[in-house]
PDB file of N, CA and C in Angstrom:
ATOM      1  N   MET A   1       6.894  -4.689   7.703  1.00  0.00           N
ATOM      2  CA  MET A   1       7.651  -4.276   6.539  1.00  0.00           C
ATOM      3  C   MET A   1       6.727  -3.714   5.451  1.00  0.00           C
ATOM      4  N   VAL A   2       5.511  -4.249   5.358  1.00  0.00           N
ATOM      5  CA  VAL A   2       4.566  -3.789   4.341  1.00  0.00           C
ATOM      6  C   VAL A   2       4.189  -2.324   4.581  1.00  0.00           C
ATOM      7  N   LEU A   3       3.865  -2.000   5.821  1.00  0.00           N
ATOM      8  CA  LEU A   3       3.482  -0.618   6.124  1.00  0.00           C
ATOM      9  C   LEU A   3       4.634   0.352   5.882  1.00  0.00           C
ATOM     10  N   LYS A   4       5.831  -0.056   6.255  1.00  0.00           N
ATOM     11  CA  LYS A   4       6.996   0.817   6.034  1.00  0.00           C
ATOM     12  C   LYS A   4       7.220   1.035   4.541  1.00  0.00           C
ATOM     13  N   ALA A   5       7.108  -0.032   3.757  1.00  0.00           N
ATOM     14  CA  ALA A   5       7.315   0.092   2.307  1.00  0.00           C
ATOM     15  C   ALA A   5       6.255   0.983   1.676  1.00  0.00           C
ATOM     16  N   ALA A   6       5.014   0.853   2.148  1.00  0.00           N
ATOM     17  CA  ALA A   6       3.913   1.621   1.566  1.00  0.00           C
ATOM     18  C   ALA A   6       3.799   3.025   2.149  1.00  0.00           C
ATOM     19  N   SER A   7       4.653   3.354   3.107  1.00  0.00           N
ATOM     20  CA  SER A   7       4.565   4.679   3.727  1.00  0.00           C
ATOM     21  C   SER A   7       5.099   5.797   2.831  1.00  0.00           C
ATOM     22  N   ASP A   8       5.916   5.447   1.871  1.00  0.00           N
ATOM     23  CA  ASP A   8       6.511   6.452   0.982  1.00  0.00           C
ATOM     24  C   ASP A   8       5.542   6.800  -0.155  1.00  0.00           C
ATOM     25  N   PRO A   9       5.309   8.090  -0.409  1.00  0.00           N
ATOM     26  CA  PRO A   9       4.362   8.494  -1.458  1.00  0.00           C
ATOM     27  C   PRO A   9       4.733   7.989  -2.857  1.00  0.00           C
ATOM     28  N   THR A  10       6.012   7.944  -3.174  1.00  0.00           N
ATOM     29  CA  THR A  10       6.419   7.450  -4.495  1.00  0.00           C
ATOM     30  C   THR A  10       6.106   5.964  -4.622  1.00  0.00           C
ATOM     31  N   ARG A  11       6.383   5.205  -3.577  1.00  0.00           N
ATOM     32  CA  ARG A  11       6.097   3.770  -3.631  1.00  0.00           C
ATOM     33  C   ARG A  11       4.587   3.515  -3.714  1.00  0.00           C
ATOM     34  N   ARG A  12       3.806   4.327  -2.989  1.00  0.00           N
ATOM     35  CA  ARG A  12       2.349   4.181  -3.097  1.00  0.00           C
ATOM     36  C   ARG A  12       1.889   4.503  -4.519  1.00  0.00           C
ATOM     37  N   ALA A  13       2.491   5.503  -5.123  1.00  0.00           N
ATOM     38  CA  ALA A  13       2.136   5.864  -6.501  1.00  0.00           C
ATOM     39  C   ALA A  13       2.502   4.736  -7.466  1.00  0.00           C
ATOM     40  N   ILE A  14       3.624   4.096  -7.240  1.00  0.00           N
ATOM     41  CA  ILE A  14       4.024   2.954  -8.076  1.00  0.00           C
ATOM     42  C   ILE A  14       3.016   1.821  -7.923  1.00  0.00           C
ATOM     43  N   LEU A  15       2.614   1.528  -6.687  1.00  0.00           N
ATOM     44  CA  LEU A  15       1.624   0.472  -6.450  1.00  0.00           C
ATOM     45  C   LEU A  15       0.302   0.799  -7.136  1.00  0.00           C
ATOM     46  N   THR A  16      -0.127   2.058  -7.034  1.00  0.00           N
ATOM     47  CA  THR A  16      -1.376   2.475  -7.671  1.00  0.00           C
ATOM     48  C   THR A  16      -1.284   2.329  -9.180  1.00  0.00           C
ATOM     49  N   LEU A  17      -0.177   2.761  -9.744  1.00  0.00           N
ATOM     50  CA  LEU A  17       0.040   2.651 -11.189  1.00  0.00           C
ATOM     51  C   LEU A  17      -0.043   1.196 -11.638  1.00  0.00           C
ATOM     52  N   LEU A  18       0.629   0.313 -10.916  1.00  0.00           N
ATOM     53  CA  LEU A  18       0.624  -1.110 -11.279  1.00  0.00           C
ATOM     54  C   LEU A  18      -0.756  -1.736 -11.096  1.00  0.00           C
ATOM     55  N   ALA A  19      -1.473  -1.318 -10.068  1.00  0.00           N
ATOM     56  CA  ALA A  19      -2.820  -1.845  -9.845  1.00  0.00           C
ATOM     57  C   ALA A  19      -3.766  -1.397 -10.965  1.00  0.00           C
ATOM     58  N   GLN A  20      -3.580  -0.181 -11.452  1.00  0.00           N
ATOM     59  CA  GLN A  20      -4.447   0.351 -12.505  1.00  0.00           C
ATOM     60  C   GLN A  20      -4.101  -0.197 -13.884  1.00  0.00           C
ATOM     61  N   GLU A  21      -2.809  -0.346 -14.164  1.00  0.00           N
ATOM     62  CA  GLU A  21      -2.397  -0.671 -15.528  1.00  0.00           C
ATOM     63  C   GLU A  21      -1.885  -2.090 -15.717  1.00  0.00           C
ATOM     64  N   GLY A  22      -1.670  -2.803 -14.629  1.00  0.00           N
ATOM     65  CA  GLY A  22      -1.133  -4.155 -14.747  1.00  0.00           C
ATOM     66  C   GLY A  22       0.385  -4.122 -14.799  1.00  0.00           C
ATOM     67  N   PRO A  23       1.006  -5.259 -15.078  1.00  0.00           N
ATOM     68  CA  PRO A  23       2.471  -5.335 -15.088  1.00  0.00           C
ATOM     69  C   PRO A  23       3.089  -4.341 -16.075  1.00  0.00           C
ATOM     70  N   LEU A  24       4.163  -3.700 -15.630  1.00  0.00           N
ATOM     71  CA  LEU A  24       4.873  -2.728 -16.469  1.00  0.00           C
ATOM     72  C   LEU A  24       6.373  -2.977 -16.387  1.00  0.00           C
ATOM     73  N   ARG A  25       7.058  -2.557 -17.431  1.00  0.00           N
ATOM     74  CA  ARG A  25       8.516  -2.593 -17.407  1.00  0.00           C
ATOM     75  C   ARG A  25       9.017  -1.518 -16.455  1.00  0.00           C
ATOM     76  N   VAL A  26      10.162  -1.761 -15.871  1.00  0.00           N
ATOM     77  CA  VAL A  26      10.759  -0.784 -14.956  1.00  0.00           C
ATOM     78  C   VAL A  26      10.922   0.555 -15.657  1.00  0.00           C
ATOM     79  N   THR A  27      11.364   0.538 -16.883  1.00  0.00           N
ATOM     80  CA  THR A  27      11.567   1.787 -17.626  1.00  0.00           C
ATOM     81  C   THR A  27      10.248   2.533 -17.848  1.00  0.00           C
ATOM     82  N   ASP A  28       9.149   1.792 -18.067  1.00  0.00           N
ATOM     83  CA  ASP A  28       7.842   2.434 -18.237  1.00  0.00           C
ATOM     84  C   ASP A  28       7.376   3.070 -16.932  1.00  0.00           C
ATOM     85  N   ILE A  29       7.670   2.423 -15.821  1.00  0.00           N
ATOM     86  CA  ILE A  29       7.333   2.997 -14.512  1.00  0.00           C
ATOM     87  C   ILE A  29       8.143   4.269 -14.299  1.00  0.00           C
ATOM     88  N   ALA A  30       9.438   4.189 -14.584  1.00  0.00           N
ATOM     89  CA  ALA A  30      10.342   5.326 -14.349  1.00  0.00           C
ATOM     90  C   ALA A  30       9.932   6.556 -15.158  1.00  0.00           C
ATOM     91  N   ARG A  31       9.399   6.352 -16.356  1.00  0.00           N
ATOM     92  CA  ARG A  31       8.979   7.490 -17.191  1.00  0.00           C
ATOM     93  C   ARG A  31       7.874   8.314 -16.546  1.00  0.00           C
ATOM     94  N   ARG A  32       7.138   7.718 -15.635  1.00  0.00           N
ATOM     95  CA  ARG A  32       5.996   8.391 -15.009  1.00  0.00           C
ATOM     96  C   ARG A  32       6.392   9.290 -13.841  1.00  0.00           C
ATOM     97  N   PHE A  33       7.661   9.243 -13.465  1.00  0.00           N
ATOM     98  CA  PHE A  33       8.095   9.974 -12.270  1.00  0.00           C
ATOM     99  C   PHE A  33       9.237  10.918 -12.599  1.00  0.00           C
ATOM    100  N   ASP A  34       9.333  11.975 -11.829  1.00  0.00           N
ATOM    101  CA  ASP A  34      10.385  12.976 -12.002  1.00  0.00           C
ATOM    102  C   ASP A  34      11.618  12.635 -11.172  1.00  0.00           C
ATOM    103  N   ILE A  35      11.965  11.368 -11.166  1.00  0.00           N
ATOM    104  CA  ILE A  35      13.169  10.913 -10.460  1.00  0.00           C
ATOM    105  C   ILE A  35      13.935   9.986 -11.394  1.00  0.00           C
ATOM    106  N   SER A  36      15.153   9.684 -11.045  1.00  0.00           N
ATOM    107  CA  SER A  36      15.994   8.875 -11.921  1.00  0.00           C
ATOM    108  C   SER A  36      15.531   7.415 -11.969  1.00  0.00           C
ATOM    109  N   LEU A  37      15.943   6.739 -13.018  1.00  0.00           N
ATOM    110  CA  LEU A  37      15.667   5.308 -13.150  1.00  0.00           C
ATOM    111  C   LEU A  37      16.246   4.551 -11.959  1.00  0.00           C
ATOM    112  N   ASN A  38      17.423   4.959 -11.525  1.00  0.00           N
ATOM    113  CA  ASN A  38      18.062   4.324 -10.373  1.00  0.00           C
ATOM    114  C   ASN A  38      17.197   4.473  -9.113  1.00  0.00           C
ATOM    115  N   SER A  39      16.633   5.653  -8.898  1.00  0.00           N
ATOM    116  CA  SER A  39      15.765   5.874  -7.735  1.00  0.00           C
ATOM    117  C   SER A  39      14.499   5.026  -7.814  1.00  0.00           C
ATOM    118  N   VAL A  40      13.904   4.956  -8.994  1.00  0.00           N
ATOM    119  CA  VAL A  40      12.712   4.114  -9.172  1.00  0.00           C
ATOM    120  C   VAL A  40      13.066   2.661  -8.897  1.00  0.00           C
ATOM    121  N   SER A  41      14.218   2.214  -9.372  1.00  0.00           N
ATOM    122  CA  SER A  41      14.657   0.830  -9.124  1.00  0.00           C
ATOM    123  C   SER A  41      14.808   0.555  -7.635  1.00  0.00           C
ATOM    124  N   LYS A  42      15.334   1.529  -6.898  1.00  0.00           N
ATOM    125  CA  LYS A  42      15.467   1.363  -5.445  1.00  0.00           C
ATOM    126  C   LYS A  42      14.102   1.263  -4.779  1.00  0.00           C
ATOM    127  N   HIS A  43      13.150   2.087  -5.214  1.00  0.00           N
ATOM    128  CA  HIS A  43      11.797   2.011  -4.670  1.00  0.00           C
ATOM    129  C   HIS A  43      11.174   0.643  -4.969  1.00  0.00           C
ATOM    130  N   ILE A  44      11.374   0.166  -6.172  1.00  0.00           N
ATOM    131  CA  ILE A  44      10.830  -1.138  -6.555  1.00  0.00           C
ATOM    132  C   ILE A  44      11.458  -2.239  -5.707  1.00  0.00           C
ATOM    133  N   LYS A  45      12.746  -2.138  -5.435  1.00  0.00           N
ATOM    134  CA  LYS A  45      13.426  -3.132  -4.599  1.00  0.00           C
ATOM    135  C   LYS A  45      12.816  -3.184  -3.195  1.00  0.00           C
ATOM    136  N   VAL A  46      12.500  -2.018  -2.632  1.00  0.00           N
ATOM    137  CA  VAL A  46      11.847  -1.976  -1.315  1.00  0.00           C
ATOM    138  C   VAL A  46      10.488  -2.661  -1.391  1.00  0.00           C
ATOM    139  N   LEU A  47       9.731  -2.391  -2.450  1.00  0.00           N
ATOM    140  CA  LEU A  47       8.428  -3.024  -2.625  1.00  0.00           C
ATOM    141  C   LEU A  47       8.570  -4.534  -2.808  1.00  0.00           C
ATOM    142  N   GLU A  48       9.605  -4.963  -3.518  1.00  0.00           N
ATOM    143  CA  GLU A  48       9.862  -6.403  -3.678  1.00  0.00           C
ATOM    144  C   GLU A  48      10.178  -7.051  -2.331  1.00  0.00           C
ATOM    145  N   ASN A  49      11.017  -6.411  -1.542  1.00  0.00           N
ATOM    146  CA  ASN A  49      11.390  -6.961  -0.233  1.00  0.00           C
ATOM    147  C   ASN A  49      10.184  -7.086   0.694  1.00  0.00           C
ATOM    148  N   ALA A  50       9.182  -6.243   0.489  1.00  0.00           N
ATOM    149  CA  ALA A  50       7.956  -6.301   1.290  1.00  0.00           C
ATOM    150  C   ALA A  50       6.906  -7.213   0.647  1.00  0.00           C
ATOM    151  N   SER A  51       7.266  -7.858  -0.446  1.00  0.00           N
ATOM    152  CA  SER A  51       6.368  -8.756  -1.194  1.00  0.00           C
ATOM    153  C   SER A  51       5.148  -8.038  -1.762  1.00  0.00           C
ATOM    154  N   LEU A  52       5.285  -6.733  -2.007  1.00  0.00           N
ATOM    155  CA  LEU A  52       4.192  -5.963  -2.590  1.00  0.00           C
ATOM    156  C   LEU A  52       4.210  -5.989  -4.115  1.00  0.00           C
ATOM    157  N   VAL A  53       5.357  -6.310  -4.683  1.00  0.00           N
ATOM    158  CA  VAL A  53       5.473  -6.493  -6.133  1.00  0.00           C
ATOM    159  C   VAL A  53       6.364  -7.700  -6.405  1.00  0.00           C
ATOM    160  N   THR A  54       6.180  -8.259  -7.582  1.00  0.00           N
ATOM    161  CA  THR A  54       7.079  -9.316  -8.049  1.00  0.00           C
ATOM    162  C   THR A  54       7.690  -8.873  -9.364  1.00  0.00           C
ATOM    163  N   ARG A  55       8.840  -9.439  -9.648  1.00  0.00           N
ATOM    164  CA  ARG A  55       9.580  -9.101 -10.870  1.00  0.00           C
ATOM    165  C   ARG A  55       9.765 -10.384 -11.672  1.00  0.00           C
ATOM    166  N   ARG A  56       9.499 -10.276 -12.956  1.00  0.00           N
ATOM    167  CA  ARG A  56       9.846 -11.387 -13.846  1.00  0.00           C
ATOM    168  C   ARG A  56      10.663 -10.810 -14.994  1.00  0.00           C
ATOM    169  N   THR A  57      11.591 -11.570 -15.438  1.00  0.00           N
ATOM    170  CA  THR A  57      12.487 -11.113 -16.500  1.00  0.00           C
ATOM    171  C   THR A  57      12.094 -11.773 -17.813  1.00  0.00           C
ATOM    172  N   GLU A  58      11.868 -10.951 -18.808  1.00  0.00           N
ATOM    173  CA  GLU A  58      11.594 -11.414 -20.165  1.00  0.00           C
ATOM    174  C   GLU A  58      12.718 -10.860 -21.043  1.00  0.00           C
ATOM    175  N   TRP A  59      13.651 -11.721 -21.353  1.00  0.00           N
ATOM    176  CA  TRP A  59      14.869 -11.324 -22.042  1.00  0.00           C
ATOM    177  C   TRP A  59      15.574 -10.251 -21.215  1.00  0.00           C
ATOM    178  N   ARG A  60      15.650  -9.034 -21.742  1.00  0.00           N
ATOM    179  CA  ARG A  60      16.345  -7.971 -21.003  1.00  0.00           C
ATOM    180  C   ARG A  60      15.375  -7.072 -20.249  1.00  0.00           C
ATOM    181  N   GLU A  61      14.093  -7.319 -20.408  1.00  0.00           N
ATOM    182  CA  GLU A  61      13.075  -6.485 -19.776  1.00  0.00           C
ATOM    183  C   GLU A  61      12.692  -7.046 -18.412  1.00  0.00           C
ATOM    184  N   HIS A  62      12.572  -6.163 -17.446  1.00  0.00           N
ATOM    185  CA  HIS A  62      12.124  -6.547 -16.109  1.00  0.00           C
ATOM    186  C   HIS A  62      10.688  -6.054 -15.944  1.00  0.00           C
ATOM    187  N   MET A  63       9.764  -7.010 -15.813  1.00  0.00           N
ATOM    188  CA  MET A  63       8.347  -6.690 -15.654  1.00  0.00           C
ATOM    189  C   MET A  63       8.000  -6.716 -14.166  1.00  0.00           C
ATOM    190  N   ILE A  64       7.324  -5.668 -13.712  1.00  0.00           N
ATOM    191  CA  ILE A  64       6.959  -5.536 -12.304  1.00  0.00           C
ATOM    192  C   ILE A  64       5.437  -5.658 -12.202  1.00  0.00           C
ATOM    193  N   GLU A  65       4.996  -6.483 -11.249  1.00  0.00           N
ATOM    194  CA  GLU A  65       3.566  -6.705 -11.060  1.00  0.00           C
ATOM    195  C   GLU A  65       3.205  -6.545  -9.586  1.00  0.00           C
ATOM    196  N   VAL A  66       2.102  -5.852  -9.329  1.00  0.00           N
ATOM    197  CA  VAL A  66       1.654  -5.635  -7.947  1.00  0.00           C
ATOM    198  C   VAL A  66       1.115  -6.947  -7.375  1.00  0.00           C
ATOM    199  N   GLN A  67       1.311  -7.132  -6.086  1.00  0.00           N
ATOM    200  CA  GLN A  67       0.770  -8.276  -5.360  1.00  0.00           C
ATOM    201  C   GLN A  67      -0.185  -7.736  -4.300  1.00  0.00           C
ATOM    202  N   MET A  68      -1.457  -8.020  -4.448  1.00  0.00           N
ATOM    203  CA  MET A  68      -2.470  -7.422  -3.590  1.00  0.00           C
ATOM    204  C   MET A  68      -2.634  -8.129  -2.246  1.00  0.00           C
ATOM    205  N   ALA A  69      -2.189  -9.361  -2.124  1.00  0.00           N
ATOM    206  CA  ALA A  69      -2.416 -10.129  -0.888  1.00  0.00           C
ATOM    207  C   ALA A  69      -1.888  -9.417   0.367  1.00  0.00           C
ATOM    208  N   PRO A  70      -0.651  -8.919   0.375  1.00  0.00           N
ATOM    209  CA  PRO A  70      -0.187  -8.224   1.587  1.00  0.00           C
ATOM    210  C   PRO A  70      -1.031  -6.984   1.907  1.00  0.00           C
ATOM    211  N   LEU A  71      -1.499  -6.291   0.880  1.00  0.00           N
ATOM    212  CA  LEU A  71      -2.340  -5.108   1.102  1.00  0.00           C
ATOM    213  C   LEU A  71      -3.703  -5.514   1.643  1.00  0.00           C
ATOM    214  N   SER A  72      -4.215  -6.648   1.191  1.00  0.00           N
ATOM    215  CA  SER A  72      -5.497  -7.142   1.695  1.00  0.00           C
ATOM    216  C   SER A  72      -5.404  -7.495   3.173  1.00  0.00           C
ATOM    217  N   GLU A  73      -4.270  -8.063   3.572  1.00  0.00           N
ATOM    218  CA  GLU A  73      -4.065  -8.388   4.983  1.00  0.00           C
ATOM    219  C   GLU A  73      -4.057  -7.121   5.836  1.00  0.00           C
ATOM    220  N   ILE A  74      -3.401  -6.074   5.353  1.00  0.00           N
ATOM    221  CA  ILE A  74      -3.362  -4.801   6.076  1.00  0.00           C
ATOM    222  C   ILE A  74      -4.761  -4.197   6.125  1.00  0.00           C
ATOM    223  N   ASP A  75      -5.494  -4.264   5.020  1.00  0.00           N
ATOM    224  CA  ASP A  75      -6.854  -3.734   4.983  1.00  0.00           C
ATOM    225  C   ASP A  75      -7.740  -4.454   5.993  1.00  0.00           C
ATOM    226  N   GLN A  76      -7.599  -5.764   6.092  1.00  0.00           N
ATOM    227  CA  GLN A  76      -8.383  -6.533   7.058  1.00  0.00           C
ATOM    228  C   GLN A  76      -8.033  -6.117   8.488  1.00  0.00           C
ATOM    229  N   TRP A  77      -6.759  -5.914   8.746  1.00  0.00           N
ATOM    230  CA  TRP A  77      -6.319  -5.486  10.074  1.00  0.00           C
ATOM    231  C   TRP A  77      -6.916  -4.122  10.420  1.00  0.00           C
ATOM    232  N   PHE A  78      -6.855  -3.174   9.447  1.00  0.00           N
ATOM    233  CA  PHE A  78      -7.439  -1.852   9.670  1.00  0.00           C
ATOM    234  C   PHE A  78      -8.948  -1.950   9.906  1.00  0.00           C
ATOM    235  N   ALA A  79      -9.619  -2.836   9.195  1.00  0.00           N
ATOM    236  CA  ALA A  79     -11.060  -3.016   9.387  1.00  0.00           C
ATOM    237  C   ALA A  79     -11.357  -3.484  10.812  1.00  0.00           C
ATOM    238  N   GLU A  80     -10.529  -4.394  11.317  1.00  0.00           N
ATOM    239  CA  GLU A  80     -10.700  -4.857  12.695  1.00  0.00           C
ATOM    240  C   GLU A  80     -10.476  -3.713  13.683  1.00  0.00           C
ATOM    241  N   LEU A  81      -9.457  -2.897  13.429  1.00  0.00           N
ATOM    242  CA  LEU A  81      -9.205  -1.745  14.300  1.00  0.00           C
ATOM    243  C   LEU A  81     -10.363  -0.756  14.262  1.00  0.00           C
ATOM    244  N   ARG A  82     -10.904  -0.521  13.049  1.00  0.00           N
ATOM    245  CA  ARG A  82     -12.036   0.399  12.920  1.00  0.00           C
ATOM    246  C   ARG A  82     -13.238  -0.101  13.716  1.00  0.00           C
ATOM    247  N   SER A  83     -13.482  -1.408  13.673  1.00  0.00           N
ATOM    248  CA  SER A  83     -14.636  -1.936  14.404  1.00  0.00           C
ATOM    249  C   SER A  83     -14.427  -1.807  15.912  1.00  0.00           C
ATOM    250  N   ILE A  84     -13.209  -1.992  16.390  1.00  0.00           N
ATOM    251  CA  ILE A  84     -12.925  -1.812  17.820  1.00  0.00           C
ATOM    252  C   ILE A  84     -13.170  -0.364  18.216  1.00  0.00           C
ATOM    253  N   TRP A  85     -12.666   0.571  17.405  1.00  0.00           N
ATOM    254  CA  TRP A  85     -12.862   1.989  17.712  1.00  0.00           C
ATOM    255  C   TRP A  85     -14.327   2.371  17.623  1.00  0.00           C
ATOM    256  N   ALA A  86     -15.062   1.790  16.704  1.00  0.00           N
ATOM    257  CA  ALA A  86     -16.493   2.091  16.597  1.00  0.00           C
ATOM    258  C   ALA A  86     -17.212   1.665  17.872  1.00  0.00           C
ATOM    259  N   LEU A  87     -16.867   0.493  18.399  1.00  0.00           N
ATOM    260  CA  LEU A  87     -17.474   0.031  19.654  1.00  0.00           C
ATOM    261  C   LEU A  87     -17.127   0.973  20.801  1.00  0.00           C
ATOM    262  N   ARG A  88     -15.871   1.387  20.861  1.00  0.00           N
ATOM    263  CA  ARG A  88     -15.452   2.301  21.931  1.00  0.00           C
ATOM    264  C   ARG A  88     -16.154   3.653  21.824  1.00  0.00           C
ATOM    265  N   LEU A  89     -16.270   4.159  20.617  1.00  0.00           N
ATOM    266  CA  LEU A  89     -16.948   5.445  20.429  1.00  0.00           C
ATOM    267  C   LEU A  89     -18.433   5.331  20.760  1.00  0.00           C
ATOM    268  N   ASP A  90     -19.052   4.191  20.410  1.00  0.00           N
ATOM    269  CA  ASP A  90     -20.454   3.983  20.769  1.00  0.00           C
ATOM    270  C   ASP A  90     -20.623   3.959  22.281  1.00  0.00           C
ATOM    271  N   ALA A  91     -19.691   3.298  22.977  1.00  0.00           N
ATOM    272  CA  ALA A  91     -19.753   3.251  24.442  1.00  0.00           C
ATOM    273  C   ALA A  91     -19.561   4.652  25.035  1.00  0.00           C
ATOM    274  N   LEU A  92     -18.645   5.426  24.465  1.00  0.00           N
ATOM    275  CA  LEU A  92     -18.429   6.797  24.933  1.00  0.00           C
ATOM    276  C   LEU A  92     -19.673   7.642  24.709  1.00  0.00           C
ATOM    277  N   GLU A  93     -20.259   7.515  23.541  1.00  0.00           N
ATOM    278  CA  GLU A  93     -21.480   8.264  23.237  1.00  0.00           C
ATOM    279  C   GLU A  93     -22.596   7.897  24.207  1.00  0.00           C
ATOM    280  N   ALA A  94     -22.747   6.616  24.489  1.00  0.00           N
ATOM    281  CA  ALA A  94     -23.774   6.176  25.438  1.00  0.00           C
ATOM    282  C   ALA A  94     -23.510   6.754  26.826  1.00  0.00           C
ATOM    283  N   ALA A  95     -22.255   6.772  27.254  1.00  0.00           N
ATOM    284  CA  ALA A  95     -21.902   7.325  28.566  1.00  0.00           C
ATOM    285  C   ALA A  95     -22.182   8.819  28.614  1.00  0.00           C
ATOM    286  N   LEU A  96     -21.879   9.530  27.550  1.00  0.00           N
ATOM    287  CA  LEU A  96     -22.140  10.965  27.495  1.00  0.00           C
ATOM    288  C   LEU A  96     -23.637  11.254  27.516  1.00  0.00           C
ATOM    289  N   GLU A  97     -24.411  10.454  26.795  1.00  0.00           N
ATOM    290  CA  GLU A  97     -25.865  10.614  26.799  1.00  0.00           C
ATOM    291  C   GLU A  97     -26.433  10.346  28.186  1.00  0.00           C
ATOM    292  N   GLU A  98     -25.868   9.344  28.860  1.00  0.00           N
ATOM    293  CA  GLU A  98     -26.318   9.001  30.211  1.00  0.00           C
ATOM    294  C   GLU A  98     -26.029  10.164  31.170  1.00  0.00           C
ATOM    295  N   ASP A  99     -24.857  10.774  31.035  1.00  0.00           N
ATOM    296  CA  ASP A  99     -24.514  11.927  31.878  1.00  0.00           C
ATOM    297  C   ASP A  99     -25.440  13.101  31.593  1.00  0.00           C
ATOM    298  N   LYS A 100     -25.819  13.278  30.338  1.00  0.00           N
ATOM    299  CA  LYS A 100     -26.707  14.365  29.955  1.00  0.00           C
ATOM    300  C   LYS A 100     -28.084  14.197  30.594  1.00  0.00           C
ATOM    301  N   ASP A 101     -28.552  12.956  30.636  1.00  0.00           N
ATOM    302  CA  ASP A 101     -29.862  12.658  31.188  1.00  0.00           C
ATOM    303  C   ASP A 101     -29.900  12.849  32.697  1.00  0.00           C
ATOM    304  N   ASP A 102     -28.751  12.692  33.363  1.00  0.00           N
ATOM    305  CA  ASP A 102     -28.697  12.845  34.825  1.00  0.00           C
ATOM    306  C   ASP A 102     -28.649  14.258  35.183  1.00  0.00           C
TER     307      ASP A 102
END
């Protein structure tokens, strides 16, 4: 669910904005985009469902805050994949060098 939520460019931009500036009101987030407040709210809801942001209510204001833990888990997974591919590419390179020498 995290990857699907983060696959949309607008949602990634919202996450980046929150990571850079800290918690923001929904209306402050919406001002940064050329889409309706309703559309921004829908994007935020998807991010909430993926646990990428949390919402707290202060009177009538809804404050949205990024949650980095799910992104850190994905980053760790990608790092593991990169290391596997690095090993495979090293083995391929060694095999190609061996063929060259023969």
